[in-house]
Amino acid sequence: MRPLWTVKDSKGKPVEGLTGRSRLEVGRKVVPTRFDAFRLHVSSSYRQVFDRTLATVLNRRHWKIVRLR
């Protein structure tokens, strides 16, 4: 069974509708712009842009992407 990932808010509660099979899948749901899934896997520079954008959104909203047990 593959792990599930979700987003938790600053109070530690899961944010509804933001779950996925990978951290990357959840991150793509969080960012306001569309990022191509294939390019995220093959291009390190594209992934760096995505990671910076994701970090900005998560920090602004005080959210964390966590693995569910």
PDB file of N, CA and C in Angstrom:
ATOM      1  N   MET A   1       0.840  -1.176   0.000  1.00  0.00           N
ATOM      2  CA  MET A   1       0.000   0.000   0.000  1.00  0.00           C
ATOM      3  C   MET A   1       0.890   1.246   0.000  1.00  0.00           C
ATOM      4  N   ARG A   2       0.629   2.113  -0.919  1.00  0.00           N
ATOM      5  CA  ARG A   2       1.394   3.358  -1.005  1.00  0.00           C
ATOM      6  C   ARG A   2       0.904   4.350   0.038  1.00  0.00           C
ATOM      7  N   PRO A   3       1.802   5.185   0.544  1.00  0.00           N
ATOM      8  CA  PRO A   3       1.396   6.167   1.557  1.00  0.00           C
ATOM      9  C   PRO A   3       0.549   7.275   0.949  1.00  0.00           C
ATOM     10  N   LEU A   4      -0.247   7.896   1.769  1.00  0.00           N
ATOM     11  CA  LEU A   4      -1.016   9.066   1.374  1.00  0.00           C
ATOM     12  C   LEU A   4      -0.369  10.300   1.979  1.00  0.00           C
ATOM     13  N   TRP A   5      -0.451  11.382   1.251  1.00  0.00           N
ATOM     14  CA  TRP A   5       0.081  12.665   1.699  1.00  0.00           C
ATOM     15  C   TRP A   5      -1.066  13.657   1.778  1.00  0.00           C
ATOM     16  N   THR A   6      -0.963  14.611   2.685  1.00  0.00           N
ATOM     17  CA  THR A   6      -1.979  15.642   2.816  1.00  0.00           C
ATOM     18  C   THR A   6      -1.324  16.942   3.278  1.00  0.00           C
ATOM     19  N   VAL A   7      -2.124  17.981   3.334  1.00  0.00           N
ATOM     20  CA  VAL A   7      -1.670  19.285   3.817  1.00  0.00           C
ATOM     21  C   VAL A   7      -2.328  19.525   5.169  1.00  0.00           C
ATOM     22  N   LYS A   8      -1.530  19.949   6.143  1.00  0.00           N
ATOM     23  CA  LYS A   8      -2.072  20.310   7.452  1.00  0.00           C
ATOM     24  C   LYS A   8      -1.882  21.802   7.659  1.00  0.00           C
ATOM     25  N   ASP A   9      -2.899  22.402   8.266  1.00  0.00           N
ATOM     26  CA  ASP A   9      -2.836  23.836   8.525  1.00  0.00           C
ATOM     27  C   ASP A   9      -2.007  24.118   9.776  1.00  0.00           C
ATOM     28  N   SER A  10      -1.964  25.372  10.194  1.00  0.00           N
ATOM     29  CA  SER A  10      -1.128  25.770  11.331  1.00  0.00           C
ATOM     30  C   SER A  10      -1.591  25.152  12.648  1.00  0.00           C
ATOM     31  N   LYS A  11      -2.829  24.676  12.696  1.00  0.00           N
ATOM     32  CA  LYS A  11      -3.355  24.034  13.905  1.00  0.00           C
ATOM     33  C   LYS A  11      -3.200  22.518  13.872  1.00  0.00           C
ATOM     34  N   GLY A  12      -2.606  21.993  12.788  1.00  0.00           N
ATOM     35  CA  GLY A  12      -2.390  20.560  12.670  1.00  0.00           C
ATOM     36  C   GLY A  12      -3.564  19.784  12.107  1.00  0.00           C
ATOM     37  N   LYS A  13      -4.547  20.483  11.581  1.00  0.00           N
ATOM     38  CA  LYS A  13      -5.719  19.820  11.007  1.00  0.00           C
ATOM     39  C   LYS A  13      -5.553  19.694   9.498  1.00  0.00           C
ATOM     40  N   PRO A  14      -5.967  18.553   8.928  1.00  0.00           N
ATOM     41  CA  PRO A  14      -5.860  18.375   7.471  1.00  0.00           C
ATOM     42  C   PRO A  14      -6.732  19.377   6.710  1.00  0.00           C
ATOM     43  N   VAL A  15      -6.218  19.866   5.603  1.00  0.00           N
ATOM     44  CA  VAL A  15      -6.963  20.765   4.737  1.00  0.00           C
ATOM     45  C   VAL A  15      -7.755  19.891   3.765  1.00  0.00           C
ATOM     46  N   GLU A  16      -9.053  20.060   3.749  1.00  0.00           N
ATOM     47  CA  GLU A  16      -9.934  19.219   2.951  1.00  0.00           C
ATOM     48  C   GLU A  16      -9.642  19.328   1.457  1.00  0.00           C
ATOM     49  N   GLY A  17      -9.606  18.193   0.789  1.00  0.00           N
ATOM     50  CA  GLY A  17      -9.427  18.150  -0.660  1.00  0.00           C
ATOM     51  C   GLY A  17      -7.984  18.174  -1.125  1.00  0.00           C
ATOM     52  N   LEU A  18      -7.047  18.225  -0.205  1.00  0.00           N
ATOM     53  CA  LEU A  18      -5.638  18.285  -0.593  1.00  0.00           C
ATOM     54  C   LEU A  18      -4.913  17.025  -0.129  1.00  0.00           C
ATOM     55  N   THR A  19      -5.249  15.918  -0.744  1.00  0.00           N
ATOM     56  CA  THR A  19      -4.560  14.655  -0.472  1.00  0.00           C
ATOM     57  C   THR A  19      -4.095  14.064  -1.791  1.00  0.00           C
ATOM     58  N   GLY A  20      -3.098  13.205  -1.703  1.00  0.00           N
ATOM     59  CA  GLY A  20      -2.592  12.568  -2.913  1.00  0.00           C
ATOM     60  C   GLY A  20      -1.668  11.424  -2.587  1.00  0.00           C
ATOM     61  N   ARG A  21      -1.248  10.705  -3.627  1.00  0.00           N
ATOM     62  CA  ARG A  21      -0.376   9.544  -3.472  1.00  0.00           C
ATOM     63  C   ARG A  21       1.102   9.901  -3.353  1.00  0.00           C
ATOM     64  N   SER A  22       1.438  11.167  -3.633  1.00  0.00           N
ATOM     65  CA  SER A  22       2.827  11.606  -3.495  1.00  0.00           C
ATOM     66  C   SER A  22       2.846  13.056  -3.022  1.00  0.00           C
ATOM     67  N   ARG A  23       3.987  13.436  -2.488  1.00  0.00           N
ATOM     68  CA  ARG A  23       4.166  14.818  -2.045  1.00  0.00           C
ATOM     69  C   ARG A  23       4.045  15.767  -3.237  1.00  0.00           C
ATOM     70  N   LEU A  24       4.557  15.334  -4.358  1.00  0.00           N
ATOM     71  CA  LEU A  24       4.502  16.137  -5.573  1.00  0.00           C
ATOM     72  C   LEU A  24       3.059  16.342  -6.041  1.00  0.00           C
ATOM     73  N   GLU A  25       2.261  15.292  -5.998  1.00  0.00           N
ATOM     74  CA  GLU A  25       0.856  15.385  -6.404  1.00  0.00           C
ATOM     75  C   GLU A  25       0.099  16.390  -5.532  1.00  0.00           C
ATOM     76  N   VAL A  26       0.339  16.342  -4.243  1.00  0.00           N
ATOM     77  CA  VAL A  26      -0.306  17.290  -3.328  1.00  0.00           C
ATOM     78  C   VAL A  26       0.192  18.706  -3.603  1.00  0.00           C
ATOM     79  N   GLY A  27       1.493  18.845  -3.811  1.00  0.00           N
ATOM     80  CA  GLY A  27       2.061  20.156  -4.102  1.00  0.00           C
ATOM     81  C   GLY A  27       1.468  20.791  -5.348  1.00  0.00           C
ATOM     82  N   ARG A  28       1.204  19.975  -6.373  1.00  0.00           N
ATOM     83  CA  ARG A  28       0.599  20.505  -7.600  1.00  0.00           C
ATOM     84  C   ARG A  28      -0.812  21.020  -7.346  1.00  0.00           C
ATOM     85  N   LYS A  29      -1.503  20.475  -6.355  1.00  0.00           N
ATOM     86  CA  LYS A  29      -2.847  20.952  -6.005  1.00  0.00           C
ATOM     87  C   LYS A  29      -2.789  22.266  -5.229  1.00  0.00           C
ATOM     88  N   VAL A  30      -1.677  22.498  -4.544  1.00  0.00           N
ATOM     89  CA  VAL A  30      -1.539  23.680  -3.685  1.00  0.00           C
ATOM     90  C   VAL A  30      -1.154  24.926  -4.472  1.00  0.00           C
ATOM     91  N   VAL A  31      -0.238  24.793  -5.430  1.00  0.00           N
ATOM     92  CA  VAL A  31       0.253  25.970  -6.145  1.00  0.00           C
ATOM     93  C   VAL A  31      -0.835  26.553  -7.044  1.00  0.00           C
ATOM     94  N   PRO A  32      -0.857  27.877  -7.177  1.00  0.00           N
ATOM     95  CA  PRO A  32      -1.919  28.524  -7.952  1.00  0.00           C
ATOM     96  C   PRO A  32      -1.767  28.379  -9.472  1.00  0.00           C
ATOM     97  N   THR A  33      -0.560  28.087  -9.948  1.00  0.00           N
ATOM     98  CA  THR A  33      -0.353  27.932 -11.386  1.00  0.00           C
ATOM     99  C   THR A  33      -0.183  26.463 -11.732  1.00  0.00           C
ATOM    100  N   ARG A  34      -0.417  26.121 -12.980  1.00  0.00           N
ATOM    101  CA  ARG A  34      -0.310  24.735 -13.416  1.00  0.00           C
ATOM    102  C   ARG A  34       1.141  24.399 -13.749  1.00  0.00           C
ATOM    103  N   PHE A  35       1.619  23.302 -13.205  1.00  0.00           N
ATOM    104  CA  PHE A  35       2.948  22.794 -13.524  1.00  0.00           C
ATOM    105  C   PHE A  35       2.789  21.418 -14.156  1.00  0.00           C
ATOM    106  N   ASP A  36       3.499  21.192 -15.250  1.00  0.00           N
ATOM    107  CA  ASP A  36       3.429  19.930 -15.980  1.00  0.00           C
ATOM    108  C   ASP A  36       4.095  18.805 -15.180  1.00  0.00           C
ATOM    109  N   ALA A  37       3.360  17.714 -14.943  1.00  0.00           N
ATOM    110  CA  ALA A  37       3.868  16.600 -14.129  1.00  0.00           C
ATOM    111  C   ALA A  37       5.097  15.956 -14.757  1.00  0.00           C
ATOM    112  N   PHE A  38       5.091  15.768 -16.058  1.00  0.00           N
ATOM    113  CA  PHE A  38       6.238  15.140 -16.723  1.00  0.00           C
ATOM    114  C   PHE A  38       7.488  15.994 -16.587  1.00  0.00           C
ATOM    115  N   ARG A  39       7.358  17.282 -16.840  1.00  0.00           N
ATOM    116  CA  ARG A  39       8.525  18.178 -16.744  1.00  0.00           C
ATOM    117  C   ARG A  39       9.065  18.253 -15.325  1.00  0.00           C
ATOM    118  N   LEU A  40       8.196  18.108 -14.327  1.00  0.00           N
ATOM    119  CA  LEU A  40       8.667  18.111 -12.940  1.00  0.00           C
ATOM    120  C   LEU A  40       9.581  16.925 -12.667  1.00  0.00           C
ATOM    121  N   HIS A  41       9.365  15.824 -13.365  1.00  0.00           N
ATOM    122  CA  HIS A  41      10.186  14.632 -13.163  1.00  0.00           C
ATOM    123  C   HIS A  41      11.489  14.654 -13.969  1.00  0.00           C
ATOM    124  N   VAL A  42      11.509  15.354 -15.090  1.00  0.00           N
ATOM    125  CA  VAL A  42      12.684  15.273 -15.971  1.00  0.00           C
ATOM    126  C   VAL A  42      13.571  16.519 -15.971  1.00  0.00           C
ATOM    127  N   SER A  43      13.057  17.636 -15.491  1.00  0.00           N
ATOM    128  CA  SER A  43      13.828  18.879 -15.556  1.00  0.00           C
ATOM    129  C   SER A  43      14.104  19.413 -14.147  1.00  0.00           C
ATOM    130  N   SER A  44      15.366  19.426 -13.774  1.00  0.00           N
ATOM    131  CA  SER A  44      15.713  19.897 -12.429  1.00  0.00           C
ATOM    132  C   SER A  44      15.453  21.396 -12.270  1.00  0.00           C
ATOM    133  N   SER A  45      15.686  22.180 -13.315  1.00  0.00           N
ATOM    134  CA  SER A  45      15.449  23.621 -13.201  1.00  0.00           C
ATOM    135  C   SER A  45      13.950  23.925 -13.086  1.00  0.00           C
ATOM    136  N   TYR A  46      13.132  23.179 -13.808  1.00  0.00           N
ATOM    137  CA  TYR A  46      11.673  23.335 -13.719  1.00  0.00           C
ATOM    138  C   TYR A  46      11.209  22.955 -12.313  1.00  0.00           C
ATOM    139  N   ARG A  47      11.784  21.891 -11.772  1.00  0.00           N
ATOM    140  CA  ARG A  47      11.433  21.430 -10.427  1.00  0.00           C
ATOM    141  C   ARG A  47      11.837  22.462  -9.380  1.00  0.00           C
ATOM    142  N   GLN A  48      12.970  23.143  -9.585  1.00  0.00           N
ATOM    143  CA  GLN A  48      13.401  24.180  -8.647  1.00  0.00           C
ATOM    144  C   GLN A  48      12.413  25.340  -8.610  1.00  0.00           C
ATOM    145  N   VAL A  49      11.904  25.736  -9.767  1.00  0.00           N
ATOM    146  CA  VAL A  49      10.897  26.803  -9.833  1.00  0.00           C
ATOM    147  C   VAL A  49       9.639  26.362  -9.088  1.00  0.00           C
ATOM    148  N   PHE A  50       9.223  25.118  -9.330  1.00  0.00           N
ATOM    149  CA  PHE A  50       8.051  24.574  -8.638  1.00  0.00           C
ATOM    150  C   PHE A  50       8.270  24.560  -7.128  1.00  0.00           C
ATOM    151  N   ASP A  51       9.421  24.081  -6.679  1.00  0.00           N
ATOM    152  CA  ASP A  51       9.713  23.995  -5.248  1.00  0.00           C
ATOM    153  C   ASP A  51       9.698  25.372  -4.587  1.00  0.00           C
ATOM    154  N   ARG A  52      10.241  26.377  -5.263  1.00  0.00           N
ATOM    155  CA  ARG A  52      10.216  27.742  -4.710  1.00  0.00           C
ATOM    156  C   ARG A  52       8.789  28.265  -4.621  1.00  0.00           C
ATOM    157  N   THR A  53       7.999  28.033  -5.666  1.00  0.00           N
ATOM    158  CA  THR A  53       6.607  28.474  -5.671  1.00  0.00           C
ATOM    159  C   THR A  53       5.813  27.775  -4.566  1.00  0.00           C
ATOM    160  N   LEU A  54       6.007  26.478  -4.439  1.00  0.00           N
ATOM    161  CA  LEU A  54       5.317  25.703  -3.406  1.00  0.00           C
ATOM    162  C   LEU A  54       5.713  26.181  -2.012  1.00  0.00           C
ATOM    163  N   ALA A  55       7.000  26.397  -1.782  1.00  0.00           N
ATOM    164  CA  ALA A  55       7.467  26.856  -0.473  1.00  0.00           C
ATOM    165  C   ALA A  55       6.860  28.212  -0.119  1.00  0.00           C
ATOM    166  N   THR A  56       6.749  29.090  -1.097  1.00  0.00           N
ATOM    167  CA  THR A  56       6.153  30.405  -0.860  1.00  0.00           C
ATOM    168  C   THR A  56       4.704  30.278  -0.419  1.00  0.00           C
ATOM    169  N   VAL A  57       3.937  29.457  -1.125  1.00  0.00           N
ATOM    170  CA  VAL A  57       2.516  29.267  -0.795  1.00  0.00           C
ATOM    171  C   VAL A  57       2.366  28.631   0.588  1.00  0.00           C
ATOM    172  N   LEU A  58       3.136  27.587   0.854  1.00  0.00           N
ATOM    173  CA  LEU A  58       3.039  26.906   2.146  1.00  0.00           C
ATOM    174  C   LEU A  58       3.417  27.837   3.295  1.00  0.00           C
ATOM    175  N   ASN A  59       4.484  28.610   3.136  1.00  0.00           N
ATOM    176  CA  ASN A  59       4.905  29.539   4.193  1.00  0.00           C
ATOM    177  C   ASN A  59       3.879  30.637   4.432  1.00  0.00           C
ATOM    178  N   ARG A  60       3.309  31.161   3.357  1.00  0.00           N
ATOM    179  CA  ARG A  60       2.329  32.237   3.480  1.00  0.00           C
ATOM    180  C   ARG A  60       1.079  31.773   4.236  1.00  0.00           C
ATOM    181  N   ARG A  61       0.666  30.527   3.976  1.00  0.00           N
ATOM    182  CA  ARG A  61      -0.550  30.002   4.615  1.00  0.00           C
ATOM    183  C   ARG A  61      -0.265  29.221   5.899  1.00  0.00           C
ATOM    184  N   HIS A  62       0.999  29.067   6.245  1.00  0.00           N
ATOM    185  CA  HIS A  62       1.414  28.305   7.429  1.00  0.00           C
ATOM    186  C   HIS A  62       0.938  26.855   7.348  1.00  0.00           C
ATOM    187  N   TRP A  63       1.130  26.259   6.185  1.00  0.00           N
ATOM    188  CA  TRP A  63       0.753  24.867   5.939  1.00  0.00           C
ATOM    189  C   TRP A  63       1.995  23.999   5.847  1.00  0.00           C
ATOM    190  N   LYS A  64       1.783  22.678   5.998  1.00  0.00           N
ATOM    191  CA  LYS A  64       2.844  21.689   5.811  1.00  0.00           C
ATOM    192  C   LYS A  64       2.282  20.513   5.032  1.00  0.00           C
ATOM    193  N   ILE A  65       3.090  19.940   4.158  1.00  0.00           N
ATOM    194  CA  ILE A  65       2.715  18.704   3.487  1.00  0.00           C
ATOM    195  C   ILE A  65       3.279  17.570   4.324  1.00  0.00           C
ATOM    196  N   VAL A  66       2.399  16.673   4.757  1.00  0.00           N
ATOM    197  CA  VAL A  66       2.812  15.583   5.640  1.00  0.00           C
ATOM    198  C   VAL A  66       2.294  14.250   5.119  1.00  0.00           C
ATOM    199  N   ARG A  67       2.982  13.202   5.531  1.00  0.00           N
ATOM    200  CA  ARG A  67       2.587  11.844   5.164  1.00  0.00           C
ATOM    201  C   ARG A  67       1.601  11.315   6.199  1.00  0.00           C
ATOM    202  N   LEU A  68       0.508  10.744   5.725  1.00  0.00           N
ATOM    203  CA  LEU A  68      -0.473  10.132   6.615  1.00  0.00           C
ATOM    204  C   LEU A  68      -0.045   8.725   6.958  1.00  0.00           C
ATOM    205  N   ARG A  69      -0.301   8.310   8.154  1.00  0.00           N
ATOM    206  CA  ARG A  69       0.048   6.964   8.591  1.00  0.00           C
ATOM    207  C   ARG A  69      -1.182   6.092   8.657  1.00  0.00           C
TER     208      ARG A  69
END
